[in-house]
Amino acid sequence: LVPHQTFRKIQKVPGKKKQQLKFTIGCAPRVIDEDIVSFHSFEGYLKERIKVNGKLNNFGKDVHVERDDNTIIVTSNVPFSKRYEWYLQSIFF
């Protein structure tokens, strides 16, 4: 006797959309006006030090670092942890 096999139709699961991660780093305007912290140099530091797929300066179209008057916005299309962002901040400051 051969056991009866049943075949089920496998439904395709629609692929997940890539979630865009957005981190905002803010600074008080007074700190910038009094030149206590140079946000321009911090933006450059982030661009030099952020690793994508284990490599430095490997942004491509996946990671963008933008600076406004008193905020820096890091947007990422690849997995990027907030803990890593905080690590980079603590090293710089």
PDB file of N, CA and C in Angstrom:
ATOM      1  N   LEU A   1       0.819  -1.173   0.000  1.00  0.00           N
ATOM      2  CA  LEU A   1       0.000   0.000   0.000  1.00  0.00           C
ATOM      3  C   LEU A   1       0.873   1.250   0.000  1.00  0.00           C
ATOM      4  N   VAL A   2       0.502   2.146  -0.851  1.00  0.00           N
ATOM      5  CA  VAL A   2       1.218   3.419  -0.951  1.00  0.00           C
ATOM      6  C   VAL A   2       0.360   4.491  -0.293  1.00  0.00           C
ATOM      7  N   PRO A   3       0.947   5.272   0.603  1.00  0.00           N
ATOM      8  CA  PRO A   3       0.143   6.317   1.235  1.00  0.00           C
ATOM      9  C   PRO A   3      -0.316   7.347   0.201  1.00  0.00           C
ATOM     10  N   HIS A   4      -1.492   7.834   0.432  1.00  0.00           N
ATOM     11  CA  HIS A   4      -2.078   8.810  -0.473  1.00  0.00           C
ATOM     12  C   HIS A   4      -1.398  10.169  -0.272  1.00  0.00           C
ATOM     13  N   GLN A   5      -0.908  10.759  -1.348  1.00  0.00           N
ATOM     14  CA  GLN A   5      -0.257  12.061  -1.268  1.00  0.00           C
ATOM     15  C   GLN A   5      -1.216  13.130  -1.765  1.00  0.00           C
ATOM     16  N   THR A   6      -1.245  14.192  -1.049  1.00  0.00           N
ATOM     17  CA  THR A   6      -2.062  15.317  -1.492  1.00  0.00           C
ATOM     18  C   THR A   6      -1.139  16.470  -1.864  1.00  0.00           C
ATOM     19  N   PHE A   7      -1.499  17.153  -2.887  1.00  0.00           N
ATOM     20  CA  PHE A   7      -0.714  18.297  -3.335  1.00  0.00           C
ATOM     21  C   PHE A   7      -1.536  19.556  -3.117  1.00  0.00           C
ATOM     22  N   ARG A   8      -0.903  20.492  -2.482  1.00  0.00           N
ATOM     23  CA  ARG A   8      -1.576  21.765  -2.261  1.00  0.00           C
ATOM     24  C   ARG A   8      -0.998  22.803  -3.204  1.00  0.00           C
ATOM     25  N   LYS A   9      -1.829  23.666  -3.638  1.00  0.00           N
ATOM     26  CA  LYS A   9      -1.370  24.755  -4.478  1.00  0.00           C
ATOM     27  C   LYS A   9      -0.692  25.785  -3.573  1.00  0.00           C
ATOM     28  N   ILE A  10       0.534  26.100  -3.876  1.00  0.00           N
ATOM     29  CA  ILE A  10       1.287  27.050  -3.069  1.00  0.00           C
ATOM     30  C   ILE A  10       1.010  28.453  -3.595  1.00  0.00           C
ATOM     31  N   GLN A  11       0.532  29.281  -2.714  1.00  0.00           N
ATOM     32  CA  GLN A  11       0.242  30.652  -3.107  1.00  0.00           C
ATOM     33  C   GLN A  11       1.505  31.485  -3.010  1.00  0.00           C
ATOM     34  N   LYS A  12       1.686  32.346  -3.988  1.00  0.00           N
ATOM     35  CA  LYS A  12       2.836  33.241  -3.955  1.00  0.00           C
ATOM     36  C   LYS A  12       2.547  34.383  -2.996  1.00  0.00           C
ATOM     37  N   VAL A  13       3.503  34.619  -2.151  1.00  0.00           N
ATOM     38  CA  VAL A  13       3.376  35.718  -1.202  1.00  0.00           C
ATOM     39  C   VAL A  13       4.002  36.942  -1.856  1.00  0.00           C
ATOM     40  N   PRO A  14       3.263  38.028  -1.929  1.00  0.00           N
ATOM     41  CA  PRO A  14       3.852  39.216  -2.555  1.00  0.00           C
ATOM     42  C   PRO A  14       5.068  39.680  -1.775  1.00  0.00           C
ATOM     43  N   GLY A  15       6.099  40.078  -2.495  1.00  0.00           N
ATOM     44  CA  GLY A  15       7.334  40.508  -1.854  1.00  0.00           C
ATOM     45  C   GLY A  15       7.126  41.763  -1.027  1.00  0.00           C
ATOM     46  N   LYS A  16       7.864  41.843   0.035  1.00  0.00           N
ATOM     47  CA  LYS A  16       7.769  43.012   0.893  1.00  0.00           C
ATOM     48  C   LYS A  16       8.478  44.179   0.220  1.00  0.00           C
ATOM     49  N   LYS A  17       7.904  45.351   0.370  1.00  0.00           N
ATOM     50  CA  LYS A  17       8.557  46.543  -0.134  1.00  0.00           C
ATOM     51  C   LYS A  17       9.698  46.885   0.808  1.00  0.00           C
ATOM     52  N   LYS A  18      10.760  47.413   0.242  1.00  0.00           N
ATOM     53  CA  LYS A  18      11.864  47.817   1.085  1.00  0.00           C
ATOM     54  C   LYS A  18      11.430  49.027   1.900  1.00  0.00           C
ATOM     55  N   GLN A  19      11.631  48.919   3.182  1.00  0.00           N
ATOM     56  CA  GLN A  19      11.249  50.004   4.063  1.00  0.00           C
ATOM     57  C   GLN A  19      12.389  51.008   4.125  1.00  0.00           C
ATOM     58  N   GLN A  20      12.065  52.252   3.890  1.00  0.00           N
ATOM     59  CA  GLN A  20      13.079  53.287   3.948  1.00  0.00           C
ATOM     60  C   GLN A  20      13.208  53.757   5.389  1.00  0.00           C
ATOM     61  N   LEU A  21      14.407  53.667   5.923  1.00  0.00           N
ATOM     62  CA  LEU A  21      14.664  54.097   7.289  1.00  0.00           C
ATOM     63  C   LEU A  21      15.133  55.539   7.269  1.00  0.00           C
ATOM     64  N   LYS A  22      14.679  56.313   8.233  1.00  0.00           N
ATOM     65  CA  LYS A  22      15.037  57.725   8.280  1.00  0.00           C
ATOM     66  C   LYS A  22      15.397  58.086   9.710  1.00  0.00           C
ATOM     67  N   PHE A  23      16.625  58.548   9.907  1.00  0.00           N
ATOM     68  CA  PHE A  23      17.098  58.971  11.216  1.00  0.00           C
ATOM     69  C   PHE A  23      17.381  60.461  11.166  1.00  0.00           C
ATOM     70  N   THR A  24      16.934  61.175  12.173  1.00  0.00           N
ATOM     71  CA  THR A  24      17.151  62.613  12.239  1.00  0.00           C
ATOM     72  C   THR A  24      18.000  62.918  13.460  1.00  0.00           C
ATOM     73  N   ILE A  25      19.095  63.629  13.240  1.00  0.00           N
ATOM     74  CA  ILE A  25      19.984  64.046  14.318  1.00  0.00           C
ATOM     75  C   ILE A  25      19.851  65.557  14.424  1.00  0.00           C
ATOM     76  N   GLY A  26      19.341  66.024  15.545  1.00  0.00           N
ATOM     77  CA  GLY A  26      19.111  67.450  15.712  1.00  0.00           C
ATOM     78  C   GLY A  26      20.093  68.070  16.682  1.00  0.00           C
ATOM     79  N   CYS A  27      20.229  69.380  16.561  1.00  0.00           N
ATOM     80  CA  CYS A  27      21.113  70.111  17.457  1.00  0.00           C
ATOM     81  C   CYS A  27      20.459  71.461  17.753  1.00  0.00           C
ATOM     82  N   ALA A  28      20.651  71.952  18.953  1.00  0.00           N
ATOM     83  CA  ALA A  28      20.074  73.237  19.332  1.00  0.00           C
ATOM     84  C   ALA A  28      20.730  74.352  18.515  1.00  0.00           C
ATOM     85  N   PRO A  29      19.940  75.310  18.045  1.00  0.00           N
ATOM     86  CA  PRO A  29      20.514  76.397  17.237  1.00  0.00           C
ATOM     87  C   PRO A  29      21.584  77.189  17.977  1.00  0.00           C
ATOM     88  N   ARG A  30      21.457  77.306  19.285  1.00  0.00           N
ATOM     89  CA  ARG A  30      22.445  78.054  20.063  1.00  0.00           C
ATOM     90  C   ARG A  30      23.819  77.404  19.985  1.00  0.00           C
ATOM     91  N   VAL A  31      23.846  76.079  19.997  1.00  0.00           N
ATOM     92  CA  VAL A  31      25.119  75.354  19.933  1.00  0.00           C
ATOM     93  C   VAL A  31      25.808  75.612  18.596  1.00  0.00           C
ATOM     94  N   ILE A  32      25.031  75.670  17.530  1.00  0.00           N
ATOM     95  CA  ILE A  32      25.603  75.914  16.208  1.00  0.00           C
ATOM     96  C   ILE A  32      26.028  77.367  16.067  1.00  0.00           C
ATOM     97  N   ASP A  33      25.215  78.310  16.585  1.00  0.00           N
ATOM     98  CA  ASP A  33      25.541  79.735  16.476  1.00  0.00           C
ATOM     99  C   ASP A  33      26.813  80.086  17.232  1.00  0.00           C
ATOM    100  N   GLU A  34      27.043  79.454  18.363  1.00  0.00           N
ATOM    101  CA  GLU A  34      28.228  79.745  19.169  1.00  0.00           C
ATOM    102  C   GLU A  34      29.433  78.911  18.743  1.00  0.00           C
ATOM    103  N   ASP A  35      29.303  78.149  17.665  1.00  0.00           N
ATOM    104  CA  ASP A  35      30.386  77.314  17.123  1.00  0.00           C
ATOM    105  C   ASP A  35      30.941  76.323  18.140  1.00  0.00           C
ATOM    106  N   ILE A  36      30.064  75.793  18.978  1.00  0.00           N
ATOM    107  CA  ILE A  36      30.483  74.750  19.913  1.00  0.00           C
ATOM    108  C   ILE A  36      30.696  73.451  19.152  1.00  0.00           C
ATOM    109  N   VAL A  37      29.795  73.157  18.222  1.00  0.00           N
ATOM    110  CA  VAL A  37      29.889  71.955  17.398  1.00  0.00           C
ATOM    111  C   VAL A  37      29.762  72.361  15.939  1.00  0.00           C
ATOM    112  N   SER A  38      30.648  71.868  15.103  1.00  0.00           N
ATOM    113  CA  SER A  38      30.564  72.128  13.668  1.00  0.00           C
ATOM    114  C   SER A  38      29.767  70.998  13.027  1.00  0.00           C
ATOM    115  N   PHE A  39      28.537  71.306  12.643  1.00  0.00           N
ATOM    116  CA  PHE A  39      27.688  70.283  12.034  1.00  0.00           C
ATOM    117  C   PHE A  39      28.207  69.890  10.663  1.00  0.00           C
ATOM    118  N   HIS A  40      28.887  70.798   9.995  1.00  0.00           N
ATOM    119  CA  HIS A  40      29.452  70.484   8.683  1.00  0.00           C
ATOM    120  C   HIS A  40      30.501  69.375   8.809  1.00  0.00           C
ATOM    121  N   SER A  41      31.341  69.461   9.833  1.00  0.00           N
ATOM    122  CA  SER A  41      32.359  68.423  10.016  1.00  0.00           C
ATOM    123  C   SER A  41      31.731  67.105  10.472  1.00  0.00           C
ATOM    124  N   PHE A  42      30.643  67.169  11.248  1.00  0.00           N
ATOM    125  CA  PHE A  42      29.961  65.949  11.673  1.00  0.00           C
ATOM    126  C   PHE A  42      29.320  65.248  10.484  1.00  0.00           C
ATOM    127  N   GLU A  43      28.766  66.021   9.554  1.00  0.00           N
ATOM    128  CA  GLU A  43      28.202  65.433   8.337  1.00  0.00           C
ATOM    129  C   GLU A  43      29.299  64.726   7.539  1.00  0.00           C
ATOM    130  N   GLY A  44      30.455  65.365   7.404  1.00  0.00           N
ATOM    131  CA  GLY A  44      31.574  64.736   6.706  1.00  0.00           C
ATOM    132  C   GLY A  44      32.045  63.475   7.407  1.00  0.00           C
ATOM    133  N   TYR A  45      32.057  63.509   8.746  1.00  0.00           N
ATOM    134  CA  TYR A  45      32.454  62.340   9.525  1.00  0.00           C
ATOM    135  C   TYR A  45      31.515  61.166   9.265  1.00  0.00           C
ATOM    136  N   LEU A  46      30.204  61.446   9.240  1.00  0.00           N
ATOM    137  CA  LEU A  46      29.240  60.376   8.974  1.00  0.00           C
ATOM    138  C   LEU A  46      29.433  59.806   7.571  1.00  0.00           C
ATOM    139  N   LYS A  47      29.680  60.668   6.594  1.00  0.00           N
ATOM    140  CA  LYS A  47      29.877  60.191   5.225  1.00  0.00           C
ATOM    141  C   LYS A  47      31.134  59.337   5.102  1.00  0.00           C
ATOM    142  N   GLU A  48      32.141  59.628   5.914  1.00  0.00           N
ATOM    143  CA  GLU A  48      33.375  58.838   5.876  1.00  0.00           C
ATOM    144  C   GLU A  48      33.240  57.515   6.619  1.00  0.00           C
ATOM    145  N   ARG A  49      32.457  57.485   7.698  1.00  0.00           N
ATOM    146  CA  ARG A  49      32.470  56.353   8.618  1.00  0.00           C
ATOM    147  C   ARG A  49      31.316  55.372   8.513  1.00  0.00           C
ATOM    148  N   ILE A  50      30.230  55.721   7.832  1.00  0.00           N
ATOM    149  CA  ILE A  50      29.101  54.789   7.755  1.00  0.00           C
ATOM    150  C   ILE A  50      29.476  53.624   6.851  1.00  0.00           C
ATOM    151  N   LYS A  51      29.288  52.422   7.369  1.00  0.00           N
ATOM    152  CA  LYS A  51      29.576  51.214   6.594  1.00  0.00           C
ATOM    153  C   LYS A  51      28.290  50.649   6.014  1.00  0.00           C
ATOM    154  N   VAL A  52      28.333  50.295   4.725  1.00  0.00           N
ATOM    155  CA  VAL A  52      27.222  49.625   4.062  1.00  0.00           C
ATOM    156  C   VAL A  52      27.769  48.317   3.524  1.00  0.00           C
ATOM    157  N   ASN A  53      27.177  47.214   3.929  1.00  0.00           N
ATOM    158  CA  ASN A  53      27.639  45.867   3.569  1.00  0.00           C
ATOM    159  C   ASN A  53      29.086  45.638   3.991  1.00  0.00           C
ATOM    160  N   GLY A  54      29.473  46.195   5.128  1.00  0.00           N
ATOM    161  CA  GLY A  54      30.795  45.967   5.682  1.00  0.00           C
ATOM    162  C   GLY A  54      31.905  46.782   5.060  1.00  0.00           C
ATOM    163  N   LYS A  55      31.578  47.765   4.212  1.00  0.00           N
ATOM    164  CA  LYS A  55      32.607  48.569   3.551  1.00  0.00           C
ATOM    165  C   LYS A  55      32.336  50.049   3.784  1.00  0.00           C
ATOM    166  N   LEU A  56      33.416  50.803   3.996  1.00  0.00           N
ATOM    167  CA  LEU A  56      33.295  52.243   4.157  1.00  0.00           C
ATOM    168  C   LEU A  56      33.035  52.900   2.809  1.00  0.00           C
ATOM    169  N   ASN A  57      32.341  54.023   2.832  1.00  0.00           N
ATOM    170  CA  ASN A  57      32.037  54.818   1.628  1.00  0.00           C
ATOM    171  C   ASN A  57      31.392  53.987   0.533  1.00  0.00           C
ATOM    172  N   ASN A  58      30.519  53.078   0.896  1.00  0.00           N
ATOM    173  CA  ASN A  58      29.850  52.203  -0.064  1.00  0.00           C
ATOM    174  C   ASN A  58      28.368  52.578  -0.134  1.00  0.00           C
ATOM    175  N   PHE A  59      28.077  53.884  -0.234  1.00  0.00           N
ATOM    176  CA  PHE A  59      26.694  54.349  -0.172  1.00  0.00           C
ATOM    177  C   PHE A  59      25.885  53.921  -1.382  1.00  0.00           C
ATOM    178  N   GLY A  60      26.342  54.262  -2.563  1.00  0.00           N
ATOM    179  CA  GLY A  60      25.555  54.009  -3.762  1.00  0.00           C
ATOM    180  C   GLY A  60      24.242  54.763  -3.678  1.00  0.00           C
ATOM    181  N   LYS A  61      23.159  54.093  -4.008  1.00  0.00           N
ATOM    182  CA  LYS A  61      21.835  54.707  -3.920  1.00  0.00           C
ATOM    183  C   LYS A  61      21.121  54.286  -2.644  1.00  0.00           C
ATOM    184  N   ASP A  62      21.825  53.586  -1.770  1.00  0.00           N
ATOM    185  CA  ASP A  62      21.183  53.005  -0.596  1.00  0.00           C
ATOM    186  C   ASP A  62      21.125  53.943   0.606  1.00  0.00           C
ATOM    187  N   VAL A  63      22.151  54.753   0.807  1.00  0.00           N
ATOM    188  CA  VAL A  63      22.219  55.609   1.990  1.00  0.00           C
ATOM    189  C   VAL A  63      22.491  57.050   1.553  1.00  0.00           C
ATOM    190  N   HIS A  64      21.747  57.977   2.142  1.00  0.00           N
ATOM    191  CA  HIS A  64      21.943  59.399   1.860  1.00  0.00           C
ATOM    192  C   HIS A  64      22.100  60.143   3.179  1.00  0.00           C
ATOM    193  N   VAL A  65      23.057  61.068   3.223  1.00  0.00           N
ATOM    194  CA  VAL A  65      23.261  61.915   4.388  1.00  0.00           C
ATOM    195  C   VAL A  65      23.058  63.354   3.928  1.00  0.00           C
ATOM    196  N   GLU A  66      22.081  64.030   4.534  1.00  0.00           N
ATOM    197  CA  GLU A  66      21.765  65.405   4.159  1.00  0.00           C
ATOM    198  C   GLU A  66      21.818  66.281   5.400  1.00  0.00           C
ATOM    199  N   ARG A  67      22.200  67.545   5.196  1.00  0.00           N
ATOM    200  CA  ARG A  67      22.299  68.477   6.324  1.00  0.00           C
ATOM    201  C   ARG A  67      21.449  69.704   6.047  1.00  0.00           C
ATOM    202  N   ASP A  68      20.625  70.078   7.026  1.00  0.00           N
ATOM    203  CA  ASP A  68      19.891  71.337   7.000  1.00  0.00           C
ATOM    204  C   ASP A  68      20.596  72.287   7.953  1.00  0.00           C
ATOM    205  N   ASP A  69      19.920  73.336   8.367  1.00  0.00           N
ATOM    206  CA  ASP A  69      20.544  74.305   9.262  1.00  0.00           C
ATOM    207  C   ASP A  69      20.991  73.675  10.576  1.00  0.00           C
ATOM    208  N   ASN A  70      20.086  72.976  11.245  1.00  0.00           N
ATOM    209  CA  ASN A  70      20.444  72.396  12.543  1.00  0.00           C
ATOM    210  C   ASN A  70      20.068  70.925  12.664  1.00  0.00           C
ATOM    211  N   THR A  71      19.886  70.233  11.538  1.00  0.00           N
ATOM    212  CA  THR A  71      19.596  68.799  11.576  1.00  0.00           C
ATOM    213  C   THR A  71      20.386  68.075  10.496  1.00  0.00           C
ATOM    214  N   ILE A  72      20.693  66.833  10.778  1.00  0.00           N
ATOM    215  CA  ILE A  72      21.287  65.934   9.788  1.00  0.00           C
ATOM    216  C   ILE A  72      20.313  64.781   9.627  1.00  0.00           C
ATOM    217  N   ILE A  73      19.977  64.469   8.375  1.00  0.00           N
ATOM    218  CA  ILE A  73      19.018  63.411   8.084  1.00  0.00           C
ATOM    219  C   ILE A  73      19.746  62.286   7.364  1.00  0.00           C
ATOM    220  N   VAL A  74      19.681  61.085   7.934  1.00  0.00           N
ATOM    221  CA  VAL A  74      20.279  59.898   7.327  1.00  0.00           C
ATOM    222  C   VAL A  74      19.132  59.012   6.864  1.00  0.00           C
ATOM    223  N   THR A  75      19.031  58.795   5.549  1.00  0.00           N
ATOM    224  CA  THR A  75      18.003  57.911   5.005  1.00  0.00           C
ATOM    225  C   THR A  75      18.685  56.689   4.417  1.00  0.00           C
ATOM    226  N   SER A  76      18.074  55.532   4.627  1.00  0.00           N
ATOM    227  CA  SER A  76      18.692  54.284   4.202  1.00  0.00           C
ATOM    228  C   SER A  76      17.645  53.339   3.634  1.00  0.00           C
ATOM    229  N   ASN A  77      17.993  52.674   2.550  1.00  0.00           N
ATOM    230  CA  ASN A  77      17.136  51.646   1.964  1.00  0.00           C
ATOM    231  C   ASN A  77      17.606  50.249   2.343  1.00  0.00           C
ATOM    232  N   VAL A  78      18.725  50.149   3.038  1.00  0.00           N
ATOM    233  CA  VAL A  78      19.259  48.865   3.496  1.00  0.00           C
ATOM    234  C   VAL A  78      19.152  48.838   5.021  1.00  0.00           C
ATOM    235  N   PRO A  79      19.219  47.663   5.634  1.00  0.00           N
ATOM    236  CA  PRO A  79      19.152  47.600   7.100  1.00  0.00           C
ATOM    237  C   PRO A  79      20.246  48.448   7.743  1.00  0.00           C
ATOM    238  N   PHE A  80      19.834  49.274   8.671  1.00  0.00           N
ATOM    239  CA  PHE A  80      20.737  50.226   9.321  1.00  0.00           C
ATOM    240  C   PHE A  80      20.199  50.430  10.724  1.00  0.00           C
ATOM    241  N   SER A  81      20.998  50.157  11.727  1.00  0.00           N
ATOM    242  CA  SER A  81      20.478  50.197  13.090  1.00  0.00           C
ATOM    243  C   SER A  81      20.687  51.566  13.726  1.00  0.00           C
ATOM    244  N   LYS A  82      19.753  51.907  14.573  1.00  0.00           N
ATOM    245  CA  LYS A  82      19.852  53.160  15.304  1.00  0.00           C
ATOM    246  C   LYS A  82      21.020  53.103  16.282  1.00  0.00           C
ATOM    247  N   ARG A  83      21.288  51.921  16.785  1.00  0.00           N
ATOM    248  CA  ARG A  83      22.413  51.744  17.703  1.00  0.00           C
ATOM    249  C   ARG A  83      23.730  52.090  17.019  1.00  0.00           C
ATOM    250  N   TYR A  84      23.888  51.742  15.742  1.00  0.00           N
ATOM    251  CA  TYR A  84      25.102  52.071  14.994  1.00  0.00           C
ATOM    252  C   TYR A  84      25.220  53.584  14.823  1.00  0.00           C
ATOM    253  N   GLU A  85      24.101  54.239  14.583  1.00  0.00           N
ATOM    254  CA  GLU A  85      24.114  55.700  14.470  1.00  0.00           C
ATOM    255  C   GLU A  85      24.554  56.334  15.791  1.00  0.00           C
ATOM    256  N   TRP A  86      24.012  55.835  16.902  1.00  0.00           N
ATOM    257  CA  TRP A  86      24.401  56.353  18.215  1.00  0.00           C
ATOM    258  C   TRP A  86      25.872  56.071  18.509  1.00  0.00           C
ATOM    259  N   TYR A  87      26.371  54.945  18.057  1.00  0.00           N
ATOM    260  CA  TYR A  87      27.786  54.617  18.229  1.00  0.00           C
ATOM    261  C   TYR A  87      28.657  55.650  17.518  1.00  0.00           C
ATOM    262  N   LEU A  88      28.310  55.976  16.282  1.00  0.00           N
ATOM    263  CA  LEU A  88      29.085  56.966  15.533  1.00  0.00           C
ATOM    264  C   LEU A  88      29.018  58.339  16.195  1.00  0.00           C
ATOM    265  N   GLN A  89      27.858  58.687  16.745  1.00  0.00           N
ATOM    266  CA  GLN A  89      27.729  59.971  17.434  1.00  0.00           C
ATOM    267  C   GLN A  89      28.616  60.015  18.670  1.00  0.00           C
ATOM    268  N   SER A  90      28.624  58.938  19.430  1.00  0.00           N
ATOM    269  CA  SER A  90      29.412  58.943  20.662  1.00  0.00           C
ATOM    270  C   SER A  90      30.903  58.991  20.372  1.00  0.00           C
ATOM    271  N   ILE A  91      31.338  58.390  19.272  1.00  0.00           N
ATOM    272  CA  ILE A  91      32.751  58.451  18.904  1.00  0.00           C
ATOM    273  C   ILE A  91      33.128  59.873  18.501  1.00  0.00           C
ATOM    274  N   PHE A  92      32.253  60.558  17.752  1.00  0.00           N
ATOM    275  CA  PHE A  92      32.558  61.911  17.270  1.00  0.00           C
ATOM    276  C   PHE A  92      32.555  62.926  18.404  1.00  0.00           C
ATOM    277  N   PHE A  93      31.530  62.849  19.269  1.00  0.00           N
ATOM    278  CA  PHE A  93      31.418  63.838  20.335  1.00  0.00           C
ATOM    279  C   PHE A  93      32.163  63.355  21.547  1.00  0.00           C
TER     280      PHE A  93
END
